[in-house]
Structure formats: C-alpha cells, structure tokens
Amino acid sequence: MERVSTEAVTEIRHGVMRMSRRMRTARSPEALSLNKLTVLGHLYRNGPGTAGEVAGAEGQRPQSLTRVFAELEAEGLISRARADRDRRQVVLALTERGAEALRRDVAEREAWLAGALAGLSEAELDLLRVAARLMERLAE
C-alpha cells in the first residue's frame, strides 16, 4: 500500500481544523463552553456515568472537569446521585434542561452549516457526506 503524501495529510488536517474553528465561531456569545458541551454530549450519547467514566471517555482527567461538573449542576444541566451499587460513587446524569441546552447549541451550528452547504452542488454534498462517514470511522 502506498504511503499517504505529506501534502494530503496537511490539506486534510487544515480543512478539518478550519471547519472546526468556523463552526465554533458560529455559536452565540452566551453559548456553553466547549468542556461543558463535551460533558453534556457524552451524557446524552452514553447515558449516566461517573465523573471518571465521563472524563476518561473524553480524554481528560476527572480533576480537570471538577469545576465544569459543579457549574453544570449549579445551572441545572446535570444531576448528581449516589450510585446504586457503590454508594461511594456519584453518577452524573443529563437533565431535561441540559438536553435542551445541548439541542440549542447543536441547532445553532447546524443552522450555520445548512446555510454554508446551500451553495454546493448535489455531487459536492454527496462527497461531503462520504467524507463525514470516513472521518467518523477515523475518529473511532
């Protein structure tokens, strides 16, 4: 198998990073921080979990997210409860208010993206959908 060229790697990295930055700037100034969205998104996708489970799955340490967890709880976006099996552990869960905050954030980014995609041809949209599936696969 042929090696991937440095130019291809650079071009793909640049495109992914630029798109990521652009989607972040499409969010409103009062939007939640990226760390908060990461936690809410994890709980939405995976259900309740301990601080260690959430942090580990997101490549962070629980101590790094302690303040984020506390702020999310204070804002009513997550709840904390003692685990049924091990009462020493605390389980974090997404509240309905947290799910709504996450939906609003996603809607803002999707509205921007829909506008940006509107100028593309059907073939270009199909190509981006294939690329999106490939990026999902690579991210796993």
C-alpha atoms as a PDB file:
ATOM      1  CA  MET A   1       0.000   0.000   0.000  1.00  0.00           C
ATOM      2  CA  GLU A   2       1.293   3.444  -0.908  1.00  0.00           C
ATOM      3  CA  ARG A   3       2.038   5.928   1.854  1.00  0.00           C
ATOM      4  CA  VAL A   4      -0.220   8.921   2.175  1.00  0.00           C
ATOM      5  CA  SER A   5       1.567  12.038   0.985  1.00  0.00           C
ATOM      6  CA  THR A   6       2.527  14.761   3.428  1.00  0.00           C
ATOM      7  CA  GLU A   7       0.601  17.218   1.273  1.00  0.00           C
ATOM      8  CA  ALA A   8      -2.592  15.153   1.568  1.00  0.00           C
ATOM      9  CA  VAL A   9      -2.221  14.869   5.342  1.00  0.00           C
ATOM     10  CA  THR A  10      -1.602  18.615   5.675  1.00  0.00           C
ATOM     11  CA  GLU A  11      -4.510  19.532   3.418  1.00  0.00           C
ATOM     12  CA  ILE A  12      -6.952  17.268   5.290  1.00  0.00           C
ATOM     13  CA  ARG A  13      -5.747  18.438   8.709  1.00  0.00           C
ATOM     14  CA  HIS A  14      -6.031  22.057   7.646  1.00  0.00           C
ATOM     15  CA  GLY A  15      -9.558  21.594   6.294  1.00  0.00           C
ATOM     16  CA  VAL A  16     -10.791  19.739   9.374  1.00  0.00           C
ATOM     17  CA  MET A  17      -9.261  22.274  11.778  1.00  0.00           C
ATOM     18  CA  ARG A  18     -10.544  25.281   9.854  1.00  0.00           C
ATOM     19  CA  MET A  19     -14.046  23.824   9.682  1.00  0.00           C
ATOM     20  CA  SER A  20     -13.975  23.063  13.401  1.00  0.00           C
ATOM     21  CA  ARG A  21     -12.911  26.624  14.241  1.00  0.00           C
ATOM     22  CA  ARG A  22     -15.545  28.063  11.905  1.00  0.00           C
ATOM     23  CA  MET A  23     -18.334  26.021  13.483  1.00  0.00           C
ATOM     24  CA  ARG A  24     -17.227  27.142  16.955  1.00  0.00           C
ATOM     25  CA  THR A  25     -17.438  30.792  15.890  1.00  0.00           C
ATOM     26  CA  ALA A  26     -20.988  30.207  14.624  1.00  0.00           C
ATOM     27  CA  ARG A  27     -22.110  29.770  18.234  1.00  0.00           C
ATOM     28  CA  SER A  28     -23.703  32.628  20.139  1.00  0.00           C
ATOM     29  CA  PRO A  29     -21.567  34.534  22.683  1.00  0.00           C
ATOM     30  CA  GLU A  30     -23.637  33.170  25.580  1.00  0.00           C
ATOM     31  CA  ALA A  31     -23.178  29.557  24.434  1.00  0.00           C
ATOM     32  CA  LEU A  32     -21.807  26.995  26.858  1.00  0.00           C
ATOM     33  CA  SER A  33     -18.067  26.340  26.969  1.00  0.00           C
ATOM     34  CA  LEU A  34     -16.690  23.507  24.872  1.00  0.00           C
ATOM     35  CA  ASN A  35     -15.870  21.496  28.023  1.00  0.00           C
ATOM     36  CA  LYS A  36     -19.472  21.826  29.194  1.00  0.00           C
ATOM     37  CA  LEU A  37     -20.768  20.777  25.787  1.00  0.00           C
ATOM     38  CA  THR A  38     -18.397  17.821  25.806  1.00  0.00           C
ATOM     39  CA  VAL A  39     -19.809  16.614  29.128  1.00  0.00           C
ATOM     40  CA  LEU A  40     -23.432  17.181  28.081  1.00  0.00           C
ATOM     41  CA  GLY A  41     -22.825  15.469  24.748  1.00  0.00           C
ATOM     42  CA  HIS A  42     -21.225  12.469  26.424  1.00  0.00           C
ATOM     43  CA  LEU A  43     -24.120  12.066  28.856  1.00  0.00           C
ATOM     44  CA  TYR A  44     -26.607  12.457  26.010  1.00  0.00           C
ATOM     45  CA  ARG A  45     -24.929   9.785  23.868  1.00  0.00           C
ATOM     46  CA  ASN A  46     -23.974   7.333  26.638  1.00  0.00           C
ATOM     47  CA  GLY A  47     -26.402   7.908  29.477  1.00  0.00           C
ATOM     48  CA  PRO A  48     -25.478   8.464  33.136  1.00  0.00           C
ATOM     49  CA  GLY A  49     -21.912   7.814  34.240  1.00  0.00           C
ATOM     50  CA  THR A  50     -19.358   8.575  36.905  1.00  0.00           C
ATOM     51  CA  ALA A  51     -17.031  11.552  36.662  1.00  0.00           C
ATOM     52  CA  GLY A  52     -14.179   9.151  35.908  1.00  0.00           C
ATOM     53  CA  GLU A  53     -16.102   7.471  33.098  1.00  0.00           C
ATOM     54  CA  VAL A  54     -17.068  10.781  31.500  1.00  0.00           C
ATOM     55  CA  ALA A  55     -13.572  12.262  31.805  1.00  0.00           C
ATOM     56  CA  GLY A  56     -11.840   9.102  30.595  1.00  0.00           C
ATOM     57  CA  ALA A  57     -14.068   8.756  27.552  1.00  0.00           C
ATOM     58  CA  GLU A  58     -13.305  12.358  26.627  1.00  0.00           C
ATOM     59  CA  GLY A  59      -9.549  12.004  27.143  1.00  0.00           C
ATOM     60  CA  GLN A  60      -9.440  14.117  30.291  1.00  0.00           C
ATOM     61  CA  ARG A  61      -8.838  13.591  33.994  1.00  0.00           C
ATOM     62  CA  PRO A  62     -11.767  13.846  36.424  1.00  0.00           C
ATOM     63  CA  GLN A  63      -9.930  16.576  38.363  1.00  0.00           C
ATOM     64  CA  SER A  64      -9.782  18.676  35.188  1.00  0.00           C
ATOM     65  CA  LEU A  65     -13.562  18.631  34.951  1.00  0.00           C
ATOM     66  CA  THR A  66     -14.455  19.068  38.637  1.00  0.00           C
ATOM     67  CA  ARG A  67     -15.351  22.741  38.191  1.00  0.00           C
ATOM     68  CA  VAL A  68     -17.234  22.001  34.965  1.00  0.00           C
ATOM     69  CA  PHE A  69     -19.325  19.324  36.710  1.00  0.00           C
ATOM     70  CA  ALA A  70     -20.081  21.703  39.600  1.00  0.00           C
ATOM     71  CA  GLU A  71     -21.107  24.525  37.243  1.00  0.00           C
ATOM     72  CA  LEU A  72     -23.300  22.240  35.157  1.00  0.00           C
ATOM     73  CA  GLU A  73     -25.032  21.000  38.306  1.00  0.00           C
ATOM     74  CA  ALA A  74     -25.487  24.561  39.622  1.00  0.00           C
ATOM     75  CA  GLU A  75     -27.054  25.538  36.280  1.00  0.00           C
ATOM     76  CA  GLY A  76     -29.433  22.571  36.486  1.00  0.00           C
ATOM     77  CA  LEU A  77     -27.974  20.951  33.358  1.00  0.00           C
ATOM     78  CA  ILE A  78     -26.815  17.758  35.073  1.00  0.00           C
ATOM     79  CA  SER A  79     -27.754  15.998  38.286  1.00  0.00           C
ATOM     80  CA  ARG A  80     -25.613  14.010  40.677  1.00  0.00           C
ATOM     81  CA  ALA A  81     -26.786  10.989  42.643  1.00  0.00           C
ATOM     82  CA  ARG A  82     -25.135   8.201  44.584  1.00  0.00           C
ATOM     83  CA  ALA A  83     -24.619   5.018  42.590  1.00  0.00           C
ATOM     84  CA  ASP A  84     -26.955   2.156  43.484  1.00  0.00           C
ATOM     85  CA  ARG A  85     -24.231  -0.496  43.536  1.00  0.00           C
ATOM     86  CA  ASP A  86     -21.441   1.505  45.171  1.00  0.00           C
ATOM     87  CA  ARG A  87     -22.736   4.336  47.363  1.00  0.00           C
ATOM     88  CA  ARG A  88     -19.254   5.908  47.398  1.00  0.00           C
ATOM     89  CA  GLN A  89     -19.548   6.739  43.699  1.00  0.00           C
ATOM     90  CA  VAL A  90     -21.502   9.631  42.280  1.00  0.00           C
ATOM     91  CA  VAL A  91     -23.338   9.216  38.987  1.00  0.00           C
ATOM     92  CA  LEU A  92     -23.828  12.194  36.681  1.00  0.00           C
ATOM     93  CA  ALA A  93     -26.950  12.384  34.531  1.00  0.00           C
ATOM     94  CA  LEU A  94     -28.225  14.821  31.937  1.00  0.00           C
ATOM     95  CA  THR A  95     -31.328  16.753  32.987  1.00  0.00           C
ATOM     96  CA  GLU A  96     -34.062  17.827  30.586  1.00  0.00           C
ATOM     97  CA  ARG A  97     -32.726  21.362  30.881  1.00  0.00           C
ATOM     98  CA  GLY A  98     -29.266  20.088  29.935  1.00  0.00           C
ATOM     99  CA  ALA A  99     -30.644  18.209  26.942  1.00  0.00           C
ATOM    100  CA  GLU A 100     -32.413  21.375  25.796  1.00  0.00           C
ATOM    101  CA  ALA A 101     -29.205  23.436  26.144  1.00  0.00           C
ATOM    102  CA  LEU A 102     -27.384  20.842  24.058  1.00  0.00           C
ATOM    103  CA  ARG A 103     -30.145  20.865  21.407  1.00  0.00           C
ATOM    104  CA  ARG A 104     -29.971  24.671  21.183  1.00  0.00           C
ATOM    105  CA  ASP A 105     -26.213  24.615  20.695  1.00  0.00           C
ATOM    106  CA  VAL A 106     -26.415  21.927  18.018  1.00  0.00           C
ATOM    107  CA  ALA A 107     -29.218  23.843  16.279  1.00  0.00           C
ATOM    108  CA  GLU A 108     -27.066  26.995  16.100  1.00  0.00           C
ATOM    109  CA  ARG A 109     -24.187  25.130  14.480  1.00  0.00           C
ATOM    110  CA  GLU A 110     -26.468  23.198  12.149  1.00  0.00           C
ATOM    111  CA  ALA A 111     -28.200  26.413  11.031  1.00  0.00           C
ATOM    112  CA  TRP A 112     -24.847  27.909  10.087  1.00  0.00           C
ATOM    113  CA  LEU A 113     -23.776  24.707   8.336  1.00  0.00           C
ATOM    114  CA  ALA A 114     -27.049  24.437   6.397  1.00  0.00           C
ATOM    115  CA  GLY A 115     -26.502  27.960   5.084  1.00  0.00           C
ATOM    116  CA  ALA A 116     -22.909  27.191   4.139  1.00  0.00           C
ATOM    117  CA  LEU A 117     -23.903  23.969   2.366  1.00  0.00           C
ATOM    118  CA  ALA A 118     -26.733  25.631   0.435  1.00  0.00           C
ATOM    119  CA  GLY A 119     -24.346  26.855  -2.251  1.00  0.00           C
ATOM    120  CA  LEU A 120     -22.928  23.412  -3.022  1.00  0.00           C
ATOM    121  CA  SER A 121     -23.967  21.105  -5.840  1.00  0.00           C
ATOM    122  CA  GLU A 122     -25.632  17.748  -5.203  1.00  0.00           C
ATOM    123  CA  ALA A 123     -22.375  15.981  -6.144  1.00  0.00           C
ATOM    124  CA  GLU A 124     -20.405  18.114  -3.663  1.00  0.00           C
ATOM    125  CA  LEU A 125     -22.931  17.369  -0.905  1.00  0.00           C
ATOM    126  CA  ASP A 126     -22.685  13.638  -1.642  1.00  0.00           C
ATOM    127  CA  LEU A 127     -18.898  13.856  -1.494  1.00  0.00           C
ATOM    128  CA  LEU A 128     -19.015  15.642   1.867  1.00  0.00           C
ATOM    129  CA  ARG A 129     -21.381  13.007   3.256  1.00  0.00           C
ATOM    130  CA  VAL A 130     -18.915  10.280   2.274  1.00  0.00           C
ATOM    131  CA  ALA A 131     -16.069  12.300   3.809  1.00  0.00           C
ATOM    132  CA  ALA A 132     -18.086  12.750   7.017  1.00  0.00           C
ATOM    133  CA  ARG A 133     -18.593   8.991   7.322  1.00  0.00           C
ATOM    134  CA  LEU A 134     -14.881   8.423   6.757  1.00  0.00           C
ATOM    135  CA  MET A 135     -13.963  10.989   9.418  1.00  0.00           C
ATOM    136  CA  GLU A 136     -16.332   9.265  11.860  1.00  0.00           C
ATOM    137  CA  ARG A 137     -14.604   5.975  11.114  1.00  0.00           C
ATOM    138  CA  LEU A 138     -11.153   7.502  11.583  1.00  0.00           C
ATOM    139  CA  ALA A 139     -12.208   9.101  14.875  1.00  0.00           C
ATOM    140  CA  GLU A 140     -13.181   5.682  16.280  1.00  0.00           C
END
